[in-house]
């Protein structure tokens, strides 16, 4: 998916991952423990929810789509 940033207000999100979790996010499969990728994704999702307000997500500002 391509996206364009229309402003220079970049936000940074920090997430502490184990080496296995970081590798799982790159596509490496851990057949012995399939929950590694799910745990990593949950950590990233939680960090985003703490950083950004998604309460207005159900509304679309169509002016930004032009």
C-alpha atoms as a PDB file:
ATOM      1  CA  UNK A   1       0.000   0.000   0.000  1.00  0.00           C
ATOM      2  CA  UNK A   2       1.353   3.384  -0.963  1.00  0.00           C
ATOM      3  CA  UNK A   3       0.697   6.403   1.177  1.00  0.00           C
ATOM      4  CA  UNK A   4       1.761   9.999   1.103  1.00  0.00           C
ATOM      5  CA  UNK A   5       2.530  12.158   4.101  1.00  0.00           C
ATOM      6  CA  UNK A   6       1.051  15.614   3.560  1.00  0.00           C
ATOM      7  CA  UNK A   7       2.705  17.187   6.575  1.00  0.00           C
ATOM      8  CA  UNK A   8       6.033  16.879   8.313  1.00  0.00           C
ATOM      9  CA  UNK A   9       4.571  15.885  11.689  1.00  0.00           C
ATOM     10  CA  UNK A  10       6.066  12.414  11.925  1.00  0.00           C
ATOM     11  CA  UNK A  11       5.386  10.398  15.039  1.00  0.00           C
ATOM     12  CA  UNK A  12       7.703   7.766  16.433  1.00  0.00           C
ATOM     13  CA  UNK A  13       6.554   4.607  18.160  1.00  0.00           C
ATOM     14  CA  UNK A  14       8.913   2.497  20.238  1.00  0.00           C
ATOM     15  CA  UNK A  15       8.255  -1.172  20.876  1.00  0.00           C
ATOM     16  CA  UNK A  16      10.476  -3.583  22.773  1.00  0.00           C
ATOM     17  CA  UNK A  17      10.592  -6.912  20.923  1.00  0.00           C
ATOM     18  CA  UNK A  18      12.557 -10.090  21.465  1.00  0.00           C
ATOM     19  CA  UNK A  19      14.821 -11.194  18.634  1.00  0.00           C
ATOM     20  CA  UNK A  20      12.314 -13.918  17.707  1.00  0.00           C
ATOM     21  CA  UNK A  21       9.437 -11.417  17.616  1.00  0.00           C
ATOM     22  CA  UNK A  22      11.379  -9.036  15.390  1.00  0.00           C
ATOM     23  CA  UNK A  23      12.253 -11.874  13.017  1.00  0.00           C
ATOM     24  CA  UNK A  24       8.640 -13.064  12.979  1.00  0.00           C
ATOM     25  CA  UNK A  25       7.522  -9.619  11.803  1.00  0.00           C
ATOM     26  CA  UNK A  26       9.894  -9.908   8.843  1.00  0.00           C
ATOM     27  CA  UNK A  27       8.266 -13.175   7.769  1.00  0.00           C
ATOM     28  CA  UNK A  28      10.416 -15.793   9.477  1.00  0.00           C
ATOM     29  CA  UNK A  29       8.244 -18.689  10.634  1.00  0.00           C
ATOM     30  CA  UNK A  30       8.687 -20.358  14.005  1.00  0.00           C
ATOM     31  CA  UNK A  31       7.000 -23.725  13.612  1.00  0.00           C
ATOM     32  CA  UNK A  32       7.699 -24.659  17.216  1.00  0.00           C
ATOM     33  CA  UNK A  33       5.961 -21.530  18.526  1.00  0.00           C
ATOM     34  CA  UNK A  34       3.391 -19.978  16.186  1.00  0.00           C
ATOM     35  CA  UNK A  35       2.357 -17.443  18.857  1.00  0.00           C
ATOM     36  CA  UNK A  36       5.581 -15.455  18.416  1.00  0.00           C
ATOM     37  CA  UNK A  37       4.259 -13.428  15.493  1.00  0.00           C
ATOM     38  CA  UNK A  38       0.902 -12.838  17.184  1.00  0.00           C
ATOM     39  CA  UNK A  39       2.631 -11.542  20.324  1.00  0.00           C
ATOM     40  CA  UNK A  40       4.803  -9.178  18.264  1.00  0.00           C
ATOM     41  CA  UNK A  41       1.825  -7.819  16.337  1.00  0.00           C
ATOM     42  CA  UNK A  42      -0.065  -7.277  19.577  1.00  0.00           C
ATOM     43  CA  UNK A  43       2.852  -5.297  21.033  1.00  0.00           C
ATOM     44  CA  UNK A  44       2.969  -3.066  17.943  1.00  0.00           C
ATOM     45  CA  UNK A  45      -0.811  -2.596  17.944  1.00  0.00           C
ATOM     46  CA  UNK A  46      -0.805  -1.681  21.639  1.00  0.00           C
ATOM     47  CA  UNK A  47       1.988   0.858  21.111  1.00  0.00           C
ATOM     48  CA  UNK A  48       0.027   2.495  18.277  1.00  0.00           C
ATOM     49  CA  UNK A  49      -3.126   2.664  20.375  1.00  0.00           C
ATOM     50  CA  UNK A  50      -1.184   4.372  23.174  1.00  0.00           C
ATOM     51  CA  UNK A  51       0.360   6.885  20.750  1.00  0.00           C
ATOM     52  CA  UNK A  52      -2.503   7.721  18.399  1.00  0.00           C
ATOM     53  CA  UNK A  53      -6.170   8.489  18.978  1.00  0.00           C
ATOM     54  CA  UNK A  54      -8.287   6.187  16.814  1.00  0.00           C
ATOM     55  CA  UNK A  55     -11.634   7.316  18.237  1.00  0.00           C
ATOM     56  CA  UNK A  56     -12.428   9.352  15.117  1.00  0.00           C
ATOM     57  CA  UNK A  57     -11.474   6.507  12.793  1.00  0.00           C
ATOM     58  CA  UNK A  58     -15.051   5.778  11.743  1.00  0.00           C
ATOM     59  CA  UNK A  59     -15.307   9.194  10.076  1.00  0.00           C
ATOM     60  CA  UNK A  60     -13.624   9.877   6.740  1.00  0.00           C
ATOM     61  CA  UNK A  61     -12.441  13.361   5.830  1.00  0.00           C
ATOM     62  CA  UNK A  62     -12.967  13.222   2.088  1.00  0.00           C
ATOM     63  CA  UNK A  63     -10.987  16.433   1.544  1.00  0.00           C
ATOM     64  CA  UNK A  64      -7.826  14.542   2.500  1.00  0.00           C
ATOM     65  CA  UNK A  65      -8.467  11.934  -0.217  1.00  0.00           C
ATOM     66  CA  UNK A  66      -8.085  14.426  -3.079  1.00  0.00           C
END
